Amino acid sequence: MFNVLSMIVTIHGTGIELTPAIREYAETKIESLTKFFDQITKAEIDVGMTTQHHNKGEIYYAEVNLHIPGNVLRVSKEEKDLYKAIDTVKDHLKIDLEKIKGKKRAKDKKGLRQEKEYRA
């Protein structure tokens, strides 16, 4: 059995209509991060357009706040395509989560080494 915590996901749309397709895509991408770090408790997703008047077309953004024990990771990215913005946020969060997991493992290993030395 796995000890899986359920992650609470909230999605907010700013300046755009939040369609079921966008909602499902964002949820799926962010929930896939649990493969890399299983202690995510909450995810707050905000997607939308930055402004209505850009000379070079519409600019979309995706912002995600991930709540993990003892920390909140926040990543915001802008792209010309909303789905690409969601993908880049997910990729950035994946790297951040892998770094945190690596540091946690190193800390655990250090503690185990010290415990073994203490027993010897």
PDB file of N, CA and C in Angstrom:
ATOM      1  N   MET A   1       0.836  -1.194   0.000  1.00  0.00           N
ATOM      2  CA  MET A   1       0.000   0.000   0.000  1.00  0.00           C
ATOM      3  C   MET A   1       0.873   1.246   0.000  1.00  0.00           C
ATOM      4  N   PHE A   2       0.422   2.259  -0.711  1.00  0.00           N
ATOM      5  CA  PHE A   2       1.124   3.524  -0.751  1.00  0.00           C
ATOM      6  C   PHE A   2       0.434   4.510   0.181  1.00  0.00           C
ATOM      7  N   ASN A   3       1.220   5.363   0.795  1.00  0.00           N
ATOM      8  CA  ASN A   3       0.675   6.425   1.637  1.00  0.00           C
ATOM      9  C   ASN A   3       0.531   7.670   0.763  1.00  0.00           C
ATOM     10  N   VAL A   4      -0.582   7.786   0.073  1.00  0.00           N
ATOM     11  CA  VAL A   4      -0.791   8.878  -0.868  1.00  0.00           C
ATOM     12  C   VAL A   4      -1.709   9.919  -0.238  1.00  0.00           C
ATOM     13  N   LEU A   5      -1.189  11.132  -0.139  1.00  0.00           N
ATOM     14  CA  LEU A   5      -2.018  12.229   0.339  1.00  0.00           C
ATOM     15  C   LEU A   5      -2.800  12.782  -0.837  1.00  0.00           C
ATOM     16  N   SER A   6      -4.042  13.141  -0.617  1.00  0.00           N
ATOM     17  CA  SER A   6      -4.800  13.730  -1.704  1.00  0.00           C
ATOM     18  C   SER A   6      -4.428  15.199  -1.829  1.00  0.00           C
ATOM     19  N   MET A   7      -4.215  15.608  -3.054  1.00  0.00           N
ATOM     20  CA  MET A   7      -3.833  16.984  -3.329  1.00  0.00           C
ATOM     21  C   MET A   7      -5.088  17.779  -3.676  1.00  0.00           C
ATOM     22  N   ILE A   8      -5.237  18.924  -3.048  1.00  0.00           N
ATOM     23  CA  ILE A   8      -6.356  19.817  -3.345  1.00  0.00           C
ATOM     24  C   ILE A   8      -5.920  20.728  -4.488  1.00  0.00           C
ATOM     25  N   VAL A   9      -6.692  20.744  -5.561  1.00  0.00           N
ATOM     26  CA  VAL A   9      -6.355  21.553  -6.729  1.00  0.00           C
ATOM     27  C   VAL A   9      -7.447  22.595  -6.948  1.00  0.00           C
ATOM     28  N   THR A  10      -7.051  23.875  -6.988  1.00  0.00           N
ATOM     29  CA  THR A  10      -7.986  24.944  -7.320  1.00  0.00           C
ATOM     30  C   THR A  10      -7.470  25.662  -8.561  1.00  0.00           C
ATOM     31  N   ILE A  11      -8.392  25.976  -9.472  1.00  0.00           N
ATOM     32  CA  ILE A  11      -8.028  26.634 -10.727  1.00  0.00           C
ATOM     33  C   ILE A  11      -8.839  27.909 -10.860  1.00  0.00           C
ATOM     34  N   HIS A  12      -8.159  28.969 -11.283  1.00  0.00           N
ATOM     35  CA  HIS A  12      -8.803  30.268 -11.463  1.00  0.00           C
ATOM     36  C   HIS A  12      -8.408  30.802 -12.833  1.00  0.00           C
ATOM     37  N   GLY A  13      -9.365  31.356 -13.552  1.00  0.00           N
ATOM     38  CA  GLY A  13      -9.097  31.946 -14.861  1.00  0.00           C
ATOM     39  C   GLY A  13      -9.223  33.459 -14.799  1.00  0.00           C
ATOM     40  N   THR A  14      -8.238  34.169 -15.329  1.00  0.00           N
ATOM     41  CA  THR A  14      -8.240  35.629 -15.328  1.00  0.00           C
ATOM     42  C   THR A  14      -8.257  36.135 -16.767  1.00  0.00           C
ATOM     43  N   GLY A  15      -9.300  36.821 -17.133  1.00  0.00           N
ATOM     44  CA  GLY A  15      -9.381  37.415 -18.466  1.00  0.00           C
ATOM     45  C   GLY A  15      -9.733  36.439 -19.569  1.00  0.00           C
ATOM     46  N   ILE A  16      -9.996  35.190 -19.220  1.00  0.00           N
ATOM     47  CA  ILE A  16     -10.401  34.188 -20.213  1.00  0.00           C
ATOM     48  C   ILE A  16     -11.519  33.345 -19.622  1.00  0.00           C
ATOM     49  N   GLU A  17     -12.226  32.663 -20.505  1.00  0.00           N
ATOM     50  CA  GLU A  17     -13.233  31.718 -20.037  1.00  0.00           C
ATOM     51  C   GLU A  17     -12.540  30.402 -19.731  1.00  0.00           C
ATOM     52  N   LEU A  18     -12.727  29.903 -18.534  1.00  0.00           N
ATOM     53  CA  LEU A  18     -12.078  28.667 -18.103  1.00  0.00           C
ATOM     54  C   LEU A  18     -12.917  27.487 -18.582  1.00  0.00           C
ATOM     55  N   THR A  19     -12.555  26.940 -19.743  1.00  0.00           N
ATOM     56  CA  THR A  19     -13.310  25.841 -20.333  1.00  0.00           C
ATOM     57  C   THR A  19     -12.964  24.528 -19.638  1.00  0.00           C
ATOM     58  N   PRO A  20     -13.836  23.537 -19.757  1.00  0.00           N
ATOM     59  CA  PRO A  20     -13.526  22.226 -19.165  1.00  0.00           C
ATOM     60  C   PRO A  20     -12.224  21.628 -19.715  1.00  0.00           C
ATOM     61  N   ALA A  21     -11.921  21.893 -20.987  1.00  0.00           N
ATOM     62  CA  ALA A  21     -10.690  21.362 -21.587  1.00  0.00           C
ATOM     63  C   ALA A  21      -9.456  21.976 -20.924  1.00  0.00           C
ATOM     64  N   ILE A  22      -9.474  23.290 -20.709  1.00  0.00           N
ATOM     65  CA  ILE A  22      -8.351  23.964 -20.051  1.00  0.00           C
ATOM     66  C   ILE A  22      -8.219  23.475 -18.616  1.00  0.00           C
ATOM     67  N   ARG A  23      -9.338  23.384 -17.928  1.00  0.00           N
ATOM     68  CA  ARG A  23      -9.351  22.926 -16.530  1.00  0.00           C
ATOM     69  C   ARG A  23      -8.754  21.512 -16.428  1.00  0.00           C
ATOM     70  N   GLU A  24      -9.206  20.602 -17.268  1.00  0.00           N
ATOM     71  CA  GLU A  24      -8.732  19.219 -17.231  1.00  0.00           C
ATOM     72  C   GLU A  24      -7.248  19.134 -17.580  1.00  0.00           C
ATOM     73  N   TYR A  25      -6.812  19.912 -18.585  1.00  0.00           N
ATOM     74  CA  TYR A  25      -5.410  19.895 -19.000  1.00  0.00           C
ATOM     75  C   TYR A  25      -4.511  20.363 -17.859  1.00  0.00           C
ATOM     76  N   ALA A  26      -4.877  21.468 -17.220  1.00  0.00           N
ATOM     77  CA  ALA A  26      -4.069  22.020 -16.132  1.00  0.00           C
ATOM     78  C   ALA A  26      -4.033  21.053 -14.948  1.00  0.00           C
ATOM     79  N   GLU A  27      -5.171  20.500 -14.578  1.00  0.00           N
ATOM     80  CA  GLU A  27      -5.221  19.549 -13.464  1.00  0.00           C
ATOM     81  C   GLU A  27      -4.351  18.334 -13.735  1.00  0.00           C
ATOM     82  N   THR A  28      -4.446  17.785 -14.944  1.00  0.00           N
ATOM     83  CA  THR A  28      -3.678  16.596 -15.297  1.00  0.00           C
ATOM     84  C   THR A  28      -2.180  16.872 -15.224  1.00  0.00           C
ATOM     85  N   LYS A  29      -1.759  18.004 -15.773  1.00  0.00           N
ATOM     86  CA  LYS A  29      -0.331  18.345 -15.776  1.00  0.00           C
ATOM     87  C   LYS A  29       0.203  18.533 -14.358  1.00  0.00           C
ATOM     88  N   ILE A  30      -0.529  19.232 -13.522  1.00  0.00           N
ATOM     89  CA  ILE A  30      -0.049  19.509 -12.168  1.00  0.00           C
ATOM     90  C   ILE A  30      -0.127  18.256 -11.297  1.00  0.00           C
ATOM     91  N   GLU A  31      -1.170  17.449 -11.465  1.00  0.00           N
ATOM     92  CA  GLU A  31      -1.271  16.215 -10.685  1.00  0.00           C
ATOM     93  C   GLU A  31      -0.180  15.217 -11.067  1.00  0.00           C
ATOM     94  N   SER A  32       0.359  15.328 -12.286  1.00  0.00           N
ATOM     95  CA  SER A  32       1.433  14.419 -12.698  1.00  0.00           C
ATOM     96  C   SER A  32       2.726  14.683 -11.925  1.00  0.00           C
ATOM     97  N   LEU A  33       2.820  15.835 -11.257  1.00  0.00           N
ATOM     98  CA  LEU A  33       4.008  16.149 -10.460  1.00  0.00           C
ATOM     99  C   LEU A  33       4.140  15.260  -9.231  1.00  0.00           C
ATOM    100  N   THR A  34       3.069  14.586  -8.841  1.00  0.00           N
ATOM    101  CA  THR A  34       3.139  13.701  -7.674  1.00  0.00           C
ATOM    102  C   THR A  34       4.054  12.502  -7.940  1.00  0.00           C
ATOM    103  N   LYS A  35       4.385  12.238  -9.208  1.00  0.00           N
ATOM    104  CA  LYS A  35       5.350  11.179  -9.524  1.00  0.00           C
ATOM    105  C   LYS A  35       6.745  11.550  -9.024  1.00  0.00           C
ATOM    106  N   PHE A  36       7.022  12.848  -8.963  1.00  0.00           N
ATOM    107  CA  PHE A  36       8.352  13.319  -8.595  1.00  0.00           C
ATOM    108  C   PHE A  36       8.454  13.682  -7.112  1.00  0.00           C
ATOM    109  N   PHE A  37       7.328  14.062  -6.510  1.00  0.00           N
ATOM    110  CA  PHE A  37       7.313  14.440  -5.096  1.00  0.00           C
ATOM    111  C   PHE A  37       5.918  14.142  -4.581  1.00  0.00           C
ATOM    112  N   ASP A  38       5.798  13.166  -3.690  1.00  0.00           N
ATOM    113  CA  ASP A  38       4.476  12.676  -3.297  1.00  0.00           C
ATOM    114  C   ASP A  38       3.850  13.404  -2.114  1.00  0.00           C
ATOM    115  N   GLN A  39       4.499  14.450  -1.608  1.00  0.00           N
ATOM    116  CA  GLN A  39       3.970  15.141  -0.438  1.00  0.00           C
ATOM    117  C   GLN A  39       3.334  16.488  -0.774  1.00  0.00           C
ATOM    118  N   ILE A  40       2.876  16.672  -1.989  1.00  0.00           N
ATOM    119  CA  ILE A  40       2.209  17.914  -2.368  1.00  0.00           C
ATOM    120  C   ILE A  40       0.818  17.905  -1.746  1.00  0.00           C
ATOM    121  N   THR A  41       0.491  18.941  -0.980  1.00  0.00           N
ATOM    122  CA  THR A  41      -0.798  18.967  -0.291  1.00  0.00           C
ATOM    123  C   THR A  41      -1.828  19.813  -1.031  1.00  0.00           C
ATOM    124  N   LYS A  42      -1.377  20.861  -1.721  1.00  0.00           N
ATOM    125  CA  LYS A  42      -2.328  21.771  -2.362  1.00  0.00           C
ATOM    126  C   LYS A  42      -1.681  22.415  -3.580  1.00  0.00           C
ATOM    127  N   ALA A  43      -2.468  22.631  -4.621  1.00  0.00           N
ATOM    128  CA  ALA A  43      -1.999  23.319  -5.815  1.00  0.00           C
ATOM    129  C   ALA A  43      -3.013  24.393  -6.188  1.00  0.00           C
ATOM    130  N   GLU A  44      -2.541  25.626  -6.312  1.00  0.00           N
ATOM    131  CA  GLU A  44      -3.391  26.738  -6.744  1.00  0.00           C
ATOM    132  C   GLU A  44      -2.915  27.160  -8.128  1.00  0.00           C
ATOM    133  N   ILE A  45      -3.805  27.039  -9.110  1.00  0.00           N
ATOM    134  CA  ILE A  45      -3.450  27.324 -10.500  1.00  0.00           C
ATOM    135  C   ILE A  45      -4.223  28.557 -10.952  1.00  0.00           C
ATOM    136  N   ASP A  46      -3.513  29.489 -11.567  1.00  0.00           N
ATOM    137  CA  ASP A  46      -4.137  30.674 -12.151  1.00  0.00           C
ATOM    138  C   ASP A  46      -3.675  30.779 -13.594  1.00  0.00           C
ATOM    139  N   VAL A  47      -4.621  30.772 -14.532  1.00  0.00           N
ATOM    140  CA  VAL A  47      -4.301  30.898 -15.944  1.00  0.00           C
ATOM    141  C   VAL A  47      -5.093  32.067 -16.520  1.00  0.00           C
ATOM    142  N   GLY A  48      -4.535  32.690 -17.554  1.00  0.00           N
ATOM    143  CA  GLY A  48      -5.258  33.794 -18.174  1.00  0.00           C
ATOM    144  C   GLY A  48      -4.410  34.583 -19.133  1.00  0.00           C
ATOM    145  N   MET A  49      -4.933  35.755 -19.511  1.00  0.00           N
ATOM    146  CA  MET A  49      -4.212  36.675 -20.386  1.00  0.00           C
ATOM    147  C   MET A  49      -3.672  37.811 -19.533  1.00  0.00           C
ATOM    148  N   THR A  50      -2.454  38.265 -19.858  1.00  0.00           N
ATOM    149  CA  THR A  50      -1.857  39.335 -19.076  1.00  0.00           C
ATOM    150  C   THR A  50      -2.601  40.647 -19.314  1.00  0.00           C
ATOM    151  N   THR A  51      -2.788  41.017 -20.578  1.00  0.00           N
ATOM    152  CA  THR A  51      -3.572  42.204 -20.923  1.00  0.00           C
ATOM    153  C   THR A  51      -4.289  41.943 -22.234  1.00  0.00           C
ATOM    154  N   GLN A  52      -5.165  42.836 -22.594  1.00  0.00           N
ATOM    155  CA  GLN A  52      -5.931  42.669 -23.830  1.00  0.00           C
ATOM    156  C   GLN A  52      -5.277  43.369 -25.022  1.00  0.00           C
ATOM    157  N   HIS A  53      -4.252  44.189 -24.796  1.00  0.00           N
ATOM    158  CA  HIS A  53      -3.717  45.006 -25.889  1.00  0.00           C
ATOM    159  C   HIS A  53      -2.200  44.863 -26.034  1.00  0.00           C
ATOM    160  N   HIS A  54      -1.793  43.802 -26.715  1.00  0.00           N
ATOM    161  CA  HIS A  54      -0.391  43.592 -27.034  1.00  0.00           C
ATOM    162  C   HIS A  54      -0.203  43.797 -28.524  1.00  0.00           C
ATOM    163  N   ASN A  55       0.892  44.416 -28.912  1.00  0.00           N
ATOM    164  CA  ASN A  55       1.179  44.610 -30.332  1.00  0.00           C
ATOM    165  C   ASN A  55       1.485  43.289 -31.019  1.00  0.00           C
ATOM    166  N   LYS A  56       2.053  42.354 -30.311  1.00  0.00           N
ATOM    167  CA  LYS A  56       2.486  41.096 -30.912  1.00  0.00           C
ATOM    168  C   LYS A  56       1.502  39.961 -30.654  1.00  0.00           C
ATOM    169  N   GLY A  57       0.255  40.253 -30.420  1.00  0.00           N
ATOM    170  CA  GLY A  57      -0.748  39.218 -30.205  1.00  0.00           C
ATOM    171  C   GLY A  57      -1.024  38.986 -28.740  1.00  0.00           C
ATOM    172  N   GLU A  58      -1.819  37.992 -28.482  1.00  0.00           N
ATOM    173  CA  GLU A  58      -2.222  37.687 -27.112  1.00  0.00           C
ATOM    174  C   GLU A  58      -1.097  36.971 -26.379  1.00  0.00           C
ATOM    175  N   ILE A  59      -0.881  37.354 -25.136  1.00  0.00           N
ATOM    176  CA  ILE A  59       0.114  36.724 -24.274  1.00  0.00           C
ATOM    177  C   ILE A  59      -0.625  36.086 -23.100  1.00  0.00           C
ATOM    178  N   TYR A  60      -0.464  34.772 -22.962  1.00  0.00           N
ATOM    179  CA  TYR A  60      -1.112  34.029 -21.887  1.00  0.00           C
ATOM    180  C   TYR A  60      -0.105  33.734 -20.781  1.00  0.00           C
ATOM    181  N   TYR A  61      -0.620  33.519 -19.591  1.00  0.00           N
ATOM    182  CA  TYR A  61       0.255  33.152 -18.490  1.00  0.00           C
ATOM    183  C   TYR A  61      -0.363  32.012 -17.692  1.00  0.00           C
ATOM    184  N   ALA A  62       0.516  31.307 -17.014  1.00  0.00           N
ATOM    185  CA  ALA A  62       0.098  30.261 -16.074  1.00  0.00           C
ATOM    186  C   ALA A  62       0.929  30.455 -14.818  1.00  0.00           C
ATOM    187  N   GLU A  63       0.266  30.448 -13.689  1.00  0.00           N
ATOM    188  CA  GLU A  63       0.935  30.609 -12.397  1.00  0.00           C
ATOM    189  C   GLU A  63       0.451  29.505 -11.474  1.00  0.00           C
ATOM    190  N   VAL A  64       1.402  28.858 -10.803  1.00  0.00           N
ATOM    191  CA  VAL A  64       1.050  27.757  -9.912  1.00  0.00           C
ATOM    192  C   VAL A  64       1.752  27.952  -8.574  1.00  0.00           C
ATOM    193  N   ASN A  65       0.996  27.801  -7.502  1.00  0.00           N
ATOM    194  CA  ASN A  65       1.537  27.767  -6.146  1.00  0.00           C
ATOM    195  C   ASN A  65       1.356  26.349  -5.627  1.00  0.00           C
ATOM    196  N   LEU A  66       2.483  25.669  -5.376  1.00  0.00           N
ATOM    197  CA  LEU A  66       2.440  24.306  -4.846  1.00  0.00           C
ATOM    198  C   LEU A  66       2.784  24.342  -3.367  1.00  0.00           C
ATOM    199  N   HIS A  67       1.907  23.784  -2.557  1.00  0.00           N
ATOM    200  CA  HIS A  67       2.136  23.726  -1.117  1.00  0.00           C
ATOM    201  C   HIS A  67       2.696  22.356  -0.767  1.00  0.00           C
ATOM    202  N   ILE A  68       3.907  22.360  -0.221  1.00  0.00           N
ATOM    203  CA  ILE A  68       4.532  21.138   0.259  1.00  0.00           C
ATOM    204  C   ILE A  68       4.890  21.373   1.722  1.00  0.00           C
ATOM    205  N   PRO A  69       5.109  20.322   2.500  1.00  0.00           N
ATOM    206  CA  PRO A  69       5.410  20.524   3.916  1.00  0.00           C
ATOM    207  C   PRO A  69       6.609  21.459   4.128  1.00  0.00           C
ATOM    208  N   GLY A  70       6.348  22.567   4.806  1.00  0.00           N
ATOM    209  CA  GLY A  70       7.400  23.513   5.136  1.00  0.00           C
ATOM    210  C   GLY A  70       7.766  24.499   4.046  1.00  0.00           C
ATOM    211  N   ASN A  71       7.059  24.490   2.921  1.00  0.00           N
ATOM    212  CA  ASN A  71       7.446  25.354   1.813  1.00  0.00           C
ATOM    213  C   ASN A  71       6.284  25.565   0.841  1.00  0.00           C
ATOM    214  N   VAL A  72       6.348  26.670   0.100  1.00  0.00           N
ATOM    215  CA  VAL A  72       5.413  26.931  -0.989  1.00  0.00           C
ATOM    216  C   VAL A  72       6.243  27.283  -2.220  1.00  0.00           C
ATOM    217  N   LEU A  73       6.064  26.524  -3.284  1.00  0.00           N
ATOM    218  CA  LEU A  73       6.761  26.806  -4.532  1.00  0.00           C
ATOM    219  C   LEU A  73       5.836  27.609  -5.427  1.00  0.00           C
ATOM    220  N   ARG A  74       6.360  28.707  -5.999  1.00  0.00           N
ATOM    221  CA  ARG A  74       5.557  29.556  -6.876  1.00  0.00           C
ATOM    222  C   ARG A  74       6.297  29.733  -8.185  1.00  0.00           C
ATOM    223  N   VAL A  75       5.624  29.409  -9.284  1.00  0.00           N
ATOM    224  CA  VAL A  75       6.208  29.572 -10.613  1.00  0.00           C
ATOM    225  C   VAL A  75       5.168  30.222 -11.511  1.00  0.00           C
ATOM    226  N   SER A  76       5.618  31.226 -12.274  1.00  0.00           N
ATOM    227  CA  SER A  76       4.744  31.909 -13.218  1.00  0.00           C
ATOM    228  C   SER A  76       5.475  32.032 -14.551  1.00  0.00           C
ATOM    229  N   LYS A  77       4.814  31.680 -15.642  1.00  0.00           N
ATOM    230  CA  LYS A  77       5.414  31.740 -16.978  1.00  0.00           C
ATOM    231  C   LYS A  77       4.429  32.359 -17.962  1.00  0.00           C
ATOM    232  N   GLU A  78       4.978  33.092 -18.942  1.00  0.00           N
ATOM    233  CA  GLU A  78       4.162  33.695 -20.003  1.00  0.00           C
ATOM    234  C   GLU A  78       4.559  33.089 -21.341  1.00  0.00           C
ATOM    235  N   GLU A  79       3.554  32.826 -22.172  1.00  0.00           N
ATOM    236  CA  GLU A  79       3.776  32.260 -23.509  1.00  0.00           C
ATOM    237  C   GLU A  79       2.687  32.774 -24.445  1.00  0.00           C
ATOM    238  N   LYS A  80       2.883  32.558 -25.744  1.00  0.00           N
ATOM    239  CA  LYS A  80       1.873  32.955 -26.734  1.00  0.00           C
ATOM    240  C   LYS A  80       0.716  31.955 -26.785  1.00  0.00           C
ATOM    241  N   ASP A  81       0.938  30.763 -26.230  1.00  0.00           N
ATOM    242  CA  ASP A  81      -0.087  29.726 -26.199  1.00  0.00           C
ATOM    243  C   ASP A  81      -0.326  29.317 -24.745  1.00  0.00           C
ATOM    244  N   LEU A  82      -1.570  29.258 -24.332  1.00  0.00           N
ATOM    245  CA  LEU A  82      -1.910  28.939 -22.945  1.00  0.00           C
ATOM    246  C   LEU A  82      -1.426  27.555 -22.543  1.00  0.00           C
ATOM    247  N   TYR A  83      -1.588  26.574 -23.419  1.00  0.00           N
ATOM    248  CA  TYR A  83      -1.169  25.213 -23.110  1.00  0.00           C
ATOM    249  C   TYR A  83       0.351  25.128 -22.965  1.00  0.00           C
ATOM    250  N   LYS A  84       1.074  25.891 -23.769  1.00  0.00           N
ATOM    251  CA  LYS A  84       2.544  25.937 -23.660  1.00  0.00           C
ATOM    252  C   LYS A  84       2.958  26.562 -22.330  1.00  0.00           C
ATOM    253  N   ALA A  85       2.229  27.584 -21.884  1.00  0.00           N
ATOM    254  CA  ALA A  85       2.519  28.211 -20.592  1.00  0.00           C
ATOM    255  C   ALA A  85       2.333  27.213 -19.451  1.00  0.00           C
ATOM    256  N   ILE A  86       1.272  26.424 -19.517  1.00  0.00           N
ATOM    257  CA  ILE A  86       1.024  25.404 -18.494  1.00  0.00           C
ATOM    258  C   ILE A  86       2.143  24.365 -18.507  1.00  0.00           C
ATOM    259  N   ASP A  87       2.572  23.950 -19.714  1.00  0.00           N
ATOM    260  CA  ASP A  87       3.653  22.972 -19.833  1.00  0.00           C
ATOM    261  C   ASP A  87       4.963  23.496 -19.255  1.00  0.00           C
ATOM    262  N   THR A  88       5.305  24.755 -19.539  1.00  0.00           N
ATOM    263  CA  THR A  88       6.574  25.294 -19.041  1.00  0.00           C
ATOM    264  C   THR A  88       6.555  25.443 -17.522  1.00  0.00           C
ATOM    265  N   VAL A  89       5.407  25.798 -16.950  1.00  0.00           N
ATOM    266  CA  VAL A  89       5.289  25.874 -15.493  1.00  0.00           C
ATOM    267  C   VAL A  89       5.493  24.486 -14.890  1.00  0.00           C
ATOM    268  N   LYS A  90       4.874  23.480 -15.479  1.00  0.00           N
ATOM    269  CA  LYS A  90       5.008  22.112 -14.981  1.00  0.00           C
ATOM    270  C   LYS A  90       6.459  21.656 -15.044  1.00  0.00           C
ATOM    271  N   ASP A  91       7.141  21.938 -16.162  1.00  0.00           N
ATOM    272  CA  ASP A  91       8.538  21.538 -16.308  1.00  0.00           C
ATOM    273  C   ASP A  91       9.427  22.215 -15.270  1.00  0.00           C
ATOM    274  N   HIS A  92       9.183  23.489 -15.014  1.00  0.00           N
ATOM    275  CA  HIS A  92       9.964  24.237 -14.018  1.00  0.00           C
ATOM    276  C   HIS A  92       9.726  23.676 -12.614  1.00  0.00           C
ATOM    277  N   LEU A  93       8.483  23.385 -12.301  1.00  0.00           N
ATOM    278  CA  LEU A  93       8.152  22.821 -10.987  1.00  0.00           C
ATOM    279  C   LEU A  93       8.762  21.430 -10.810  1.00  0.00           C
ATOM    280  N   LYS A  94       8.799  20.656 -11.887  1.00  0.00           N
ATOM    281  CA  LYS A  94       9.404  19.321 -11.820  1.00  0.00           C
ATOM    282  C   LYS A  94      10.872  19.442 -11.403  1.00  0.00           C
ATOM    283  N   ILE A  95      11.607  20.364 -12.001  1.00  0.00           N
ATOM    284  CA  ILE A  95      13.017  20.569 -11.660  1.00  0.00           C
ATOM    285  C   ILE A  95      13.157  20.997 -10.205  1.00  0.00           C
ATOM    286  N   ASP A  96      12.311  21.945  -9.775  1.00  0.00           N
ATOM    287  CA  ASP A  96      12.365  22.413  -8.382  1.00  0.00           C
ATOM    288  C   ASP A  96      12.073  21.281  -7.398  1.00  0.00           C
ATOM    289  N   LEU A  97      11.076  20.462  -7.699  1.00  0.00           N
ATOM    290  CA  LEU A  97      10.713  19.359  -6.810  1.00  0.00           C
ATOM    291  C   LEU A  97      11.823  18.316  -6.740  1.00  0.00           C
ATOM    292  N   GLU A  98      12.482  18.047  -7.875  1.00  0.00           N
ATOM    293  CA  GLU A  98      13.588  17.093  -7.871  1.00  0.00           C
ATOM    294  C   GLU A  98      14.751  17.613  -7.027  1.00  0.00           C
ATOM    295  N   LYS A  99      15.006  18.925  -7.065  1.00  0.00           N
ATOM    296  CA  LYS A  99      16.063  19.518  -6.236  1.00  0.00           C
ATOM    297  C   LYS A  99      15.731  19.351  -4.753  1.00  0.00           C
ATOM    298  N   ILE A 100      14.490  19.655  -4.392  1.00  0.00           N
ATOM    299  CA  ILE A 100      14.072  19.538  -2.989  1.00  0.00           C
ATOM    300  C   ILE A 100      14.164  18.086  -2.526  1.00  0.00           C
ATOM    301  N   LYS A 101      13.730  17.164  -3.376  1.00  0.00           N
ATOM    302  CA  LYS A 101      13.780  15.745  -3.022  1.00  0.00           C
ATOM    303  C   LYS A 101      15.230  15.292  -2.842  1.00  0.00           C
ATOM    304  N   GLY A 102      16.131  15.763  -3.706  1.00  0.00           N
ATOM    305  CA  GLY A 102      17.545  15.420  -3.592  1.00  0.00           C
ATOM    306  C   GLY A 102      18.150  15.938  -2.297  1.00  0.00           C
ATOM    307  N   LYS A 103      17.812  17.180  -1.938  1.00  0.00           N
ATOM    308  CA  LYS A 103      18.330  17.755  -0.690  1.00  0.00           C
ATOM    309  C   LYS A 103      17.801  16.982   0.512  1.00  0.00           C
ATOM    310  N   LYS A 104      16.532  16.591   0.449  1.00  0.00           N
ATOM    311  CA  LYS A 104      15.925  15.844   1.558  1.00  0.00           C
ATOM    312  C   LYS A 104      16.592  14.479   1.707  1.00  0.00           C
ATOM    313  N   ARG A 105      16.873  13.823   0.571  1.00  0.00           N
ATOM    314  CA  ARG A 105      17.548  12.521   0.611  1.00  0.00           C
ATOM    315  C   ARG A 105      18.949  12.648   1.190  1.00  0.00           C
ATOM    316  N   ALA A 106      19.674  13.688   0.767  1.00  0.00           N
ATOM    317  CA  ALA A 106      21.035  13.895   1.263  1.00  0.00           C
ATOM    318  C   ALA A 106      21.019  14.131   2.766  1.00  0.00           C
ATOM    319  N   LYS A 107      20.044  14.888   3.225  1.00  0.00           N
ATOM    320  CA  LYS A 107      19.921  15.163   4.662  1.00  0.00           C
ATOM    321  C   LYS A 107      19.612  13.876   5.424  1.00  0.00           C
ATOM    322  N   ASP A 108      18.723  13.038   4.866  1.00  0.00           N
ATOM    323  CA  ASP A 108      18.385  11.765   5.498  1.00  0.00           C
ATOM    324  C   ASP A 108      19.602  10.843   5.559  1.00  0.00           C
ATOM    325  N   LYS A 109      20.382  10.797   4.469  1.00  0.00           N
ATOM    326  CA  LYS A 109      21.574   9.953   4.440  1.00  0.00           C
ATOM    327  C   LYS A 109      22.594  10.421   5.471  1.00  0.00           C
ATOM    328  N   LYS A 110      22.742  11.740   5.592  1.00  0.00           N
ATOM    329  CA  LYS A 110      23.688  12.292   6.560  1.00  0.00           C
ATOM    330  C   LYS A 110      23.274  11.895   7.976  1.00  0.00           C
ATOM    331  N   GLY A 111      22.002  11.973   8.269  1.00  0.00           N
ATOM    332  CA  GLY A 111      21.493  11.585   9.579  1.00  0.00           C
ATOM    333  C   GLY A 111      21.726  10.109   9.859  1.00  0.00           C
ATOM    334  N   LEU A 112      21.527   9.264   8.852  1.00  0.00           N
ATOM    335  CA  LEU A 112      21.752   7.824   9.027  1.00  0.00           C
ATOM    336  C   LEU A 112      23.232   7.530   9.258  1.00  0.00           C
ATOM    337  N   ARG A 113      24.109   8.226   8.528  1.00  0.00           N
ATOM    338  CA  ARG A 113      25.546   8.023   8.717  1.00  0.00           C
ATOM    339  C   ARG A 113      25.967   8.396  10.140  1.00  0.00           C
ATOM    340  N   GLN A 114      25.440   9.516  10.611  1.00  0.00           N
ATOM    341  CA  GLN A 114      25.800   9.957  11.949  1.00  0.00           C
ATOM    342  C   GLN A 114      25.273   8.972  12.997  1.00  0.00           C
ATOM    343  N   GLU A 115      24.104   8.425  12.767  1.00  0.00           N
ATOM    344  CA  GLU A 115      23.530   7.449  13.693  1.00  0.00           C
ATOM    345  C   GLU A 115      24.374   6.172  13.730  1.00  0.00           C
ATOM    346  N   LYS A 116      24.855   5.728  12.563  1.00  0.00           N
ATOM    347  CA  LYS A 116      25.706   4.530  12.504  1.00  0.00           C
ATOM    348  C   LYS A 116      27.016   4.784  13.228  1.00  0.00           C
ATOM    349  N   GLU A 117      27.588   5.971  13.059  1.00  0.00           N
ATOM    350  CA  GLU A 117      28.843   6.308  13.715  1.00  0.00           C
ATOM    351  C   GLU A 117      28.638   6.343  15.234  1.00  0.00           C
ATOM    352  N   TYR A 118      27.501   6.804  15.660  1.00  0.00           N
ATOM    353  CA  TYR A 118      27.201   6.895  17.084  1.00  0.00           C
ATOM    354  C   TYR A 118      27.129   5.512  17.714  1.00  0.00           C
ATOM    355  N   ARG A 119      26.537   4.554  16.975  1.00  0.00           N
ATOM    356  CA  ARG A 119      26.395   3.191  17.481  1.00  0.00           C
ATOM    357  C   ARG A 119      27.727   2.461  17.547  1.00  0.00           C
ATOM    358  N   ALA A 120      28.613   2.773  16.628  1.00  0.00           N
ATOM    359  CA  ALA A 120      29.899   2.037  16.542  1.00  0.00           C
ATOM    360  C   ALA A 120      30.824   2.305  17.686  1.00  0.00           C
TER     361      ALA A 120
END
